[in-house]
Protein backbone atom coordinates (compact mmCIF):
# COMPACT_ATOMS: atom_id res chain seq x y z
CA MET A 1 90.46 -127.44 1.94
CA GLY A 2 89.39 -129.84 -0.74
CA GLY A 3 85.72 -129.26 0.03
CA GLY A 4 86.19 -125.50 -0.08
CA SER A 5 87.86 -125.68 -3.50
CA VAL A 6 85.01 -127.68 -4.90
CA ARG A 7 82.45 -125.15 -3.65
CA VAL A 8 84.44 -122.30 -5.22
CA ARG A 9 84.65 -124.06 -8.56
CA ARG A 10 80.91 -124.75 -8.54
CA LEU A 11 80.16 -121.09 -7.71
CA MET A 12 82.38 -119.91 -10.56
CA MET A 13 80.57 -122.22 -13.01
CA VAL A 14 77.18 -120.85 -11.92
CA LEU A 15 78.39 -117.25 -12.26
CA ARG A 16 79.75 -117.93 -15.75
CA LYS A 17 76.39 -119.38 -16.79
CA LEU A 18 74.50 -116.41 -15.30
CA LEU A 19 76.87 -113.92 -16.91
CA LYS A 20 76.49 -115.57 -20.31
CA CYS A 21 72.68 -115.52 -20.04
CA SER A 22 72.55 -111.97 -18.69
CA LEU A 23 74.59 -110.51 -21.55
CA ARG A 24 72.12 -111.92 -24.07
CA ASP A 25 69.12 -110.77 -22.07
CA TYR A 26 70.76 -107.41 -21.48
CA GLY A 27 71.08 -106.90 -25.22
CA LEU A 28 67.44 -107.74 -25.79
CA CYS A 29 66.38 -105.45 -22.97
CA LEU A 30 68.48 -102.57 -24.25
CA GLY A 31 67.06 -102.94 -27.73
CA SER A 32 63.50 -102.94 -26.40
CA VAL A 33 64.12 -99.80 -24.35
CA LEU A 34 65.61 -98.06 -27.38
CA LEU A 35 62.58 -98.91 -29.56
CA LEU A 36 60.17 -97.76 -26.89
CA SER A 37 62.08 -94.50 -26.47
CA LEU A 38 61.99 -93.79 -30.18
CA ALA A 39 58.27 -94.57 -30.36
CA SER A 40 57.55 -92.29 -27.39
CA LEU A 41 59.58 -89.48 -28.95
CA CYS A 42 57.72 -89.73 -32.26
CA TYR A 43 54.37 -89.79 -30.45
CA GLN A 44 55.13 -86.64 -28.47
CA LEU A 45 56.55 -84.83 -31.50
CA ASN A 46 53.20 -85.44 -33.22
CA GLY A 47 51.24 -83.81 -30.42
CA GLY A 48 50.83 -86.72 -28.04
CA ALA A 49 50.88 -86.12 -24.32
CA PRO A 50 53.52 -87.63 -22.01
CA ALA A 51 51.19 -90.32 -20.68
CA LEU A 52 53.50 -91.35 -17.82
CA LEU A 53 53.46 -87.86 -16.35
CA LEU A 54 49.70 -87.63 -16.71
CA GLU A 55 49.25 -90.97 -14.93
CA LEU A 56 51.62 -89.93 -12.18
CA ARG A 57 49.68 -86.70 -11.77
CA LYS A 58 46.53 -88.68 -11.00
CA TYR A 59 48.25 -90.32 -8.04
CA LEU A 60 50.22 -87.30 -6.87
CA GLY A 61 47.12 -85.10 -6.87
CA SER A 62 47.95 -81.57 -5.71
CA SER A 63 51.58 -82.36 -4.99
CA SER A 64 53.99 -79.71 -6.18
CA PHE A 65 56.46 -82.30 -7.41
CA LEU A 66 55.08 -82.22 -10.97
CA ASP A 67 53.54 -78.75 -10.98
CA GLY A 68 55.74 -77.79 -13.90
CA TYR A 69 54.15 -80.55 -15.97
CA HIS A 70 50.52 -79.76 -15.07
CA HIS A 71 48.25 -80.59 -18.02
CA GLN A 72 46.23 -77.48 -18.95
CA ALA A 73 42.81 -78.39 -20.30
CA GLN A 74 41.99 -76.52 -23.50
CA LYS A 75 39.21 -73.94 -23.33
CA VAL A 76 36.11 -75.31 -24.98
CA MET A 77 35.05 -72.87 -27.70
CA PRO A 78 31.38 -72.35 -28.51
CA PHE A 79 30.25 -73.07 -32.04
CA PRO A 80 30.71 -70.92 -33.94
CA SER A 81 33.63 -69.22 -32.18
CA GLN A 82 33.81 -66.49 -34.86
CA LEU A 83 30.68 -64.51 -35.68
CA VAL A 84 30.24 -61.52 -38.02
CA TYR A 85 27.28 -59.13 -37.98
CA ASN A 86 27.76 -56.87 -41.03
CA ARG A 87 24.90 -54.68 -39.94
CA VAL A 88 22.70 -52.88 -42.49
CA GLY A 89 22.19 -49.17 -41.83
CA LYS A 90 18.87 -48.06 -40.30
CA CYS A 91 17.76 -51.63 -39.62
CA GLY A 92 17.84 -51.51 -35.84
CA SER A 93 21.58 -52.07 -35.63
CA ARG A 94 22.19 -49.49 -32.90
CA THR A 95 19.53 -51.17 -30.77
CA VAL A 96 21.13 -54.58 -31.31
CA VAL A 97 24.64 -53.27 -30.60
CA GLN A 98 23.42 -51.86 -27.29
CA LEU A 99 22.16 -55.34 -26.45
CA LEU A 100 25.46 -56.91 -27.51
CA ARG A 101 27.51 -54.65 -25.23
CA VAL A 102 25.64 -55.99 -22.22
CA LEU A 103 25.55 -59.58 -23.48
CA ALA A 104 29.32 -59.62 -24.17
CA GLU A 105 30.03 -58.99 -20.51
CA LYS A 106 27.29 -61.30 -19.29
CA ASN A 107 28.04 -64.23 -21.62
CA HIS A 108 31.83 -63.81 -21.73
CA PHE A 109 32.59 -63.22 -25.40
CA THR A 110 34.61 -60.51 -27.11
CA LEU A 111 32.62 -57.82 -28.93
CA ILE A 112 34.53 -55.94 -31.63
CA ASN A 113 32.36 -52.99 -32.66
CA SER A 114 34.01 -51.04 -35.47
CA ASP A 115 33.73 -47.26 -35.33
CA ILE A 116 33.99 -47.03 -39.15
CA HIS A 117 30.53 -46.17 -40.46
CA ASN A 118 31.03 -44.72 -43.92
CA LYS A 119 33.21 -47.25 -45.74
CA THR A 120 31.23 -50.31 -46.76
CA ARG A 121 33.49 -51.13 -49.74
CA PRO A 122 37.18 -51.14 -48.70
CA ASN A 123 39.83 -51.75 -51.34
CA LYS A 124 41.56 -55.13 -51.69
CA ASN A 125 44.47 -54.31 -49.35
CA GLU A 126 42.07 -52.97 -46.72
CA GLN A 127 39.94 -56.10 -47.07
CA MET A 128 43.00 -58.30 -46.56
CA GLU A 129 44.05 -56.39 -43.47
CA LEU A 130 40.53 -56.48 -42.07
CA VAL A 131 39.93 -60.23 -42.53
CA ASN A 132 43.34 -60.98 -41.00
CA ASN A 133 42.59 -58.79 -37.97
CA ILE A 134 39.19 -60.42 -37.55
CA SER A 135 40.65 -63.92 -37.82
CA ILE A 136 43.16 -63.36 -34.99
CA GLY A 137 40.63 -61.86 -32.59
CA GLU A 138 40.29 -63.36 -29.13
CA GLN A 139 37.73 -66.15 -29.39
CA PRO A 140 34.85 -66.43 -28.95
CA TYR A 141 34.14 -63.07 -30.54
CA LEU A 142 31.51 -61.18 -32.49
CA TYR A 143 32.63 -58.57 -35.02
CA THR A 144 30.17 -55.94 -36.20
CA ARG A 145 30.44 -53.13 -38.71
CA HIS A 146 28.50 -51.42 -41.52
CA ILE A 147 30.21 -53.27 -44.37
CA HIS A 148 29.22 -55.23 -47.44
CA PHE A 149 29.76 -58.99 -47.28
CA LEU A 150 33.43 -60.05 -47.23
CA ASN A 151 34.66 -63.32 -48.76
CA PHE A 152 37.34 -64.57 -46.31
CA THR A 153 38.16 -67.61 -48.46
CA ARG A 154 39.42 -65.23 -51.15
CA PHE A 155 42.35 -64.57 -48.80
CA GLY A 156 42.87 -68.19 -47.78
CA LEU A 157 40.99 -67.90 -44.48
CA GLU A 158 38.04 -69.77 -43.07
CA GLN A 159 34.69 -68.06 -43.64
CA PRO A 160 33.10 -67.09 -40.30
CA VAL A 161 29.39 -67.50 -39.66
CA HIS A 162 27.32 -64.37 -40.41
CA ILE A 163 24.08 -62.97 -39.01
CA ASN A 164 22.08 -59.89 -40.02
CA ILE A 165 18.76 -58.06 -39.77
CA ILE A 166 16.94 -56.15 -42.51
CA ARG A 167 13.65 -54.27 -42.70
CA ASP A 168 10.98 -53.16 -45.16
CA PRO A 169 12.98 -51.22 -47.81
CA ILE A 170 10.70 -48.15 -47.99
CA ASN A 171 10.51 -47.96 -44.22
CA ARG A 172 14.32 -48.11 -44.04
CA PHE A 173 14.65 -45.40 -46.71
CA VAL A 174 12.21 -43.01 -44.98
CA SER A 175 13.94 -43.50 -41.64
CA ASN A 176 17.36 -42.83 -43.18
CA TYR A 177 16.11 -39.78 -45.10
CA PHE A 178 15.05 -37.97 -41.94
CA PHE A 179 17.83 -39.34 -39.75
CA ARG A 180 20.45 -37.75 -42.04
CA ARG A 181 18.71 -34.42 -41.57
CA PHE A 182 17.49 -34.39 -37.99
CA GLY A 183 19.01 -37.35 -36.13
CA ASP A 184 17.28 -39.16 -33.28
CA TRP A 185 16.00 -38.35 -29.80
CA ARG A 186 19.50 -38.47 -28.35
CA SER A 187 20.79 -35.80 -30.71
CA GLU A 188 17.56 -33.83 -30.22
CA LEU A 189 17.95 -33.79 -26.43
CA ASN A 190 21.62 -32.83 -26.70
CA HIS A 191 20.87 -30.14 -29.32
CA GLN A 192 23.24 -31.78 -31.79
CA ILE A 193 23.01 -30.90 -35.48
CA ARG A 194 22.98 -33.96 -37.69
CA THR A 195 25.19 -33.69 -40.80
CA PRO A 196 26.56 -30.20 -40.02
CA GLY A 197 27.77 -29.56 -43.59
CA MET A 198 24.32 -30.04 -45.13
CA LYS A 199 22.78 -26.90 -46.63
CA ASP A 200 19.36 -25.81 -45.47
CA GLU A 201 17.75 -26.32 -48.89
CA GLU A 202 18.81 -29.96 -48.77
CA ARG A 203 18.01 -30.44 -45.09
CA TYR A 204 14.45 -29.19 -45.48
CA LEU A 205 13.81 -30.71 -48.91
CA ASP A 206 10.34 -32.29 -48.92
CA ILE A 207 10.64 -36.05 -49.30
CA ASN A 208 7.88 -36.08 -51.95
CA ASP A 209 9.79 -33.56 -54.07
CA CYS A 210 12.95 -35.61 -53.66
CA ILE A 211 11.20 -38.73 -54.96
CA LEU A 212 8.99 -37.26 -57.68
CA GLU A 213 11.60 -34.83 -59.04
CA ASN A 214 14.25 -37.56 -59.27
CA TYR A 215 16.83 -36.21 -56.85
CA ALA A 216 19.87 -38.51 -56.65
CA GLU A 217 19.24 -39.31 -52.98
CA CYS A 218 15.82 -40.74 -53.82
CA ASN A 219 16.76 -42.63 -56.98
CA ASN A 220 18.92 -45.55 -58.07
CA PRO A 221 21.59 -46.49 -57.28
CA ARG A 222 21.21 -44.72 -53.91
CA VAL A 223 17.97 -46.55 -53.03
CA PHE A 224 19.58 -49.89 -54.02
CA TYR A 225 20.93 -50.26 -50.50
CA ILE A 226 20.19 -53.57 -48.75
CA ILE A 227 21.20 -56.04 -51.47
CA PRO A 228 24.89 -54.95 -51.67
CA TYR A 229 25.33 -55.85 -47.97
CA PHE A 230 24.73 -59.48 -48.96
CA CYS A 231 26.00 -59.48 -52.55
CA GLY A 232 29.52 -58.45 -51.51
CA GLN A 233 32.45 -56.42 -52.79
CA HIS A 234 32.15 -57.14 -56.54
CA PRO A 235 31.55 -53.91 -58.53
CA LYS A 236 28.40 -55.41 -60.08
CA CYS A 237 26.91 -55.71 -56.59
CA ARG A 238 26.25 -51.96 -56.71
CA ASP A 239 24.27 -52.15 -59.96
CA PRO A 240 20.52 -52.61 -59.44
CA GLY A 241 19.60 -55.81 -61.26
CA GLY A 242 19.10 -59.54 -61.23
CA TRP A 243 22.80 -60.46 -61.01
CA ALA A 244 23.32 -58.71 -57.67
CA LEU A 245 19.97 -59.99 -56.39
CA GLN A 246 20.82 -63.61 -57.17
CA ARG A 247 24.30 -63.38 -55.69
CA ALA A 248 22.88 -61.82 -52.52
CA LYS A 249 20.46 -64.75 -52.15
CA GLU A 250 23.25 -67.28 -52.70
CA ASN A 251 25.53 -65.63 -50.15
CA MET A 252 22.71 -65.51 -47.66
CA ASP A 253 21.94 -69.22 -48.09
CA GLN A 254 25.58 -70.28 -47.86
CA ASN A 255 27.08 -67.98 -45.24
CA TYR A 256 24.35 -66.64 -42.94
CA LEU A 257 23.06 -68.66 -40.03
CA LEU A 258 20.14 -66.27 -39.63
CA VAL A 259 18.86 -63.13 -41.36
CA GLY A 260 15.92 -61.70 -39.44
CA ILE A 261 13.46 -58.92 -40.17
CA LEU A 262 13.22 -55.91 -37.89
CA GLU A 263 9.43 -55.95 -37.87
CA GLU A 264 9.69 -59.19 -35.86
CA LEU A 265 12.71 -58.38 -33.71
CA GLU A 266 11.34 -60.18 -30.67
CA ASP A 267 11.30 -63.45 -32.63
CA VAL A 268 14.74 -62.69 -34.09
CA LEU A 269 16.13 -62.54 -30.55
CA LEU A 270 14.34 -65.76 -29.58
CA LEU A 271 15.87 -67.60 -32.54
CA LEU A 272 19.33 -66.17 -31.84
CA GLU A 273 19.07 -67.39 -28.26
CA ARG A 274 18.39 -70.92 -29.50
CA LEU A 275 20.88 -70.93 -32.37
CA LEU A 276 23.72 -69.06 -30.63
CA PRO A 277 23.22 -69.41 -26.85
CA HIS A 278 26.87 -68.64 -26.06
CA TYR A 279 26.29 -65.14 -27.44
CA PHE A 280 22.59 -64.38 -27.06
CA LYS A 281 21.55 -66.14 -23.86
CA ASP A 282 18.96 -63.96 -22.03
CA ALA A 283 18.79 -61.49 -24.95
CA SER A 284 14.98 -61.41 -24.93
CA ALA A 285 14.75 -60.83 -21.19
CA LEU A 286 17.31 -58.06 -21.43
CA TYR A 287 15.50 -56.44 -24.36
CA HIS A 288 12.25 -56.28 -22.39
CA SER A 289 13.88 -55.02 -19.20
CA THR A 290 12.94 -51.52 -18.01
CA GLU A 291 16.55 -50.34 -17.88
CA TYR A 292 17.26 -51.35 -21.45
CA ARG A 293 14.04 -49.95 -22.91
CA LYS A 294 14.97 -46.53 -21.58
CA LEU A 295 18.18 -46.73 -23.62
CA GLY A 296 16.38 -48.01 -26.72
CA ASN A 297 13.99 -45.08 -26.90
CA GLY A 298 16.88 -42.76 -27.73
CA THR A 299 17.36 -44.30 -31.18
CA ILE A 300 13.99 -43.23 -32.64
CA THR A 301 14.34 -40.97 -35.70
CA VAL A 302 12.69 -37.59 -35.22
CA LYS A 303 10.66 -35.22 -37.46
CA LYS A 304 9.61 -37.90 -39.91
CA GLN A 305 6.90 -37.27 -42.48
CA LYS A 306 4.76 -39.65 -44.50
CA PRO A 307 5.41 -39.74 -48.25
CA SER A 308 2.35 -39.33 -50.47
CA GLN A 309 0.79 -42.36 -52.15
CA GLU A 310 2.05 -41.10 -55.51
CA ALA A 311 5.60 -40.87 -54.18
CA LEU A 312 5.33 -44.31 -52.60
CA LYS A 313 4.29 -45.89 -55.91
CA VAL A 314 7.30 -44.39 -57.67
CA LEU A 315 9.64 -45.42 -54.87
CA PHE A 316 8.27 -48.95 -54.82
CA GLN A 317 9.03 -49.40 -58.52
CA ARG A 318 12.57 -48.17 -58.00
CA MET A 319 12.98 -50.67 -55.16
CA ARG A 320 11.51 -53.75 -56.83
CA TYR A 321 14.77 -55.71 -56.50
CA GLU A 322 15.05 -54.68 -52.86
CA TYR A 323 11.52 -55.96 -52.24
CA ASP A 324 12.27 -59.20 -54.03
CA PHE A 325 15.18 -59.79 -51.66
CA TYR A 326 13.22 -58.61 -48.60
CA ASN A 327 10.41 -61.06 -49.35
CA TYR A 328 12.92 -63.88 -49.89
CA VAL A 329 14.51 -63.15 -46.51
CA LYS A 330 11.12 -62.95 -44.85
CA ASP A 331 10.07 -66.33 -46.27
CA GLN A 332 13.28 -67.98 -45.06
CA PHE A 333 12.93 -66.35 -41.66
CA HIS A 334 9.34 -67.58 -41.29
CA LEU A 335 10.45 -71.08 -42.33
CA MET A 336 13.05 -71.00 -39.56
CA LYS A 337 10.40 -69.85 -37.09
CA ARG A 338 8.14 -72.75 -37.99
CA LYS A 339 11.00 -75.21 -37.48
CA PHE A 340 11.40 -73.90 -33.94
CA GLY A 341 7.68 -73.87 -33.25
CA LEU A 342 7.17 -70.09 -33.42
CA LYS A 343 4.12 -68.56 -35.07
CA THR A 344 4.88 -66.87 -38.39
CA GLY A 345 2.66 -63.86 -37.84
CA GLY A 346 4.67 -60.70 -37.20
CA ARG A 347 4.39 -58.95 -33.85
CA GLY A 348 5.12 -55.42 -34.95
CA PRO A 349 3.59 -51.96 -34.81
CA SER A 350 0.35 -51.07 -36.53
CA THR A 351 0.22 -49.63 -40.02
CA GLU A 352 0.17 -45.88 -40.46
CA TYR A 353 -0.33 -45.76 -44.21
CA VAL A 354 -0.95 -48.11 -47.10
CA THR A 355 1.84 -48.62 -49.65
CA PRO A 356 1.98 -50.24 -53.08
CA SER A 357 3.72 -53.23 -51.52
CA GLU A 358 0.34 -54.42 -50.23
CA VAL A 359 -1.11 -54.37 -53.73
CA GLU A 360 1.91 -56.31 -55.01
CA GLY A 361 1.49 -58.95 -52.32
CA THR A 362 4.27 -57.91 -49.94
CA ASP A 363 3.99 -56.76 -46.35
CA ARG A 364 3.01 -53.31 -45.26
CA VAL A 365 5.40 -50.54 -44.44
CA HIS A 366 5.17 -50.27 -40.68
CA ASN A 367 4.98 -47.05 -38.74
CA GLU A 368 8.05 -47.13 -36.58
CA ASP A 369 6.90 -44.18 -34.48
CA ASP A 370 3.55 -45.68 -33.53
CA ASP A 371 3.19 -45.84 -29.75
CA THR A 372 3.47 -49.63 -29.35
CA TRP A 373 5.72 -52.03 -27.44
CA LEU A 374 8.08 -52.34 -30.43
CA LYS A 375 8.57 -48.70 -31.31
CA ASP A 376 12.00 -48.49 -29.68
CA ILE A 377 13.54 -51.03 -32.06
CA TYR A 378 13.70 -48.56 -34.92
CA GLY A 379 16.97 -46.72 -34.97
């Protein structure tokens, strides 16, 4: 009995020592767990992932035990994920939009093609609504519309990257003059009347008379057309002059990844493929495909006539700011081509008539109806 009592007393002494030590260690352990819990909570509240679950997932593999905590990898967006093509009228935009419809499905981006064609200068509330709608579009997306440049930062939003295409100003004007009256091959084949409300005396007005007799359609500010697409929504952007010209150049330099010229559309597509492959991959191959070229031929303006040399001289003087901007764009475009190892010589149709722009040192006005490989680009 005596030996058993001694063993009991010794056991009780050991237990008391262990209990005393464990209480102290227990307090330290509890404090450590509490600090770790608080740190983990703060980390996750600031966007951190639950690392333990992610590590467990590696070992559990396809087990359904943690399916509810499966980490979804974010979709990698192309750069830029927001692209705006504020297309200039009668500069091949219908041809490019046809390409984009096919490319959107092939390259998996969202194409938003506005059906508003006659409102390039929306009011402030309409601008706000438009930039908000564009900004929440499913990315990656490309938005296109006939609209003058919009400043998204004015409404507290990030400015998307822009692209555009322009063409020789006189060539664009002549194409638009006859398109308003007679349409293109598609409307011709379907016997559609372009601009139904137009009176016959206006429809059949000789383009030389329009220019030389100072009709409004053939004079400023109506022929001051390309620059406002780059200058923007300021009222002074509609006034032919140096202020609008300079602002258009600045906006182009700061906000446009590429502005091409229609006379060299093949090279425009090649550069877009290299600069924006997520959108324009295989654009050149598609453009030269037999199926697409059949579609492109429908956009050629019909019943066009050549203005006289006298009319061209007058028109060229009225468009001197337009030609200043066109030549600036062309120089920048050729600089970009050289950087990518492309020749700067244009691959466009042959010249049908000589214009004053050649005398002034600018490029020729190209005949968009000449029977060459590029004739279908002119819409």
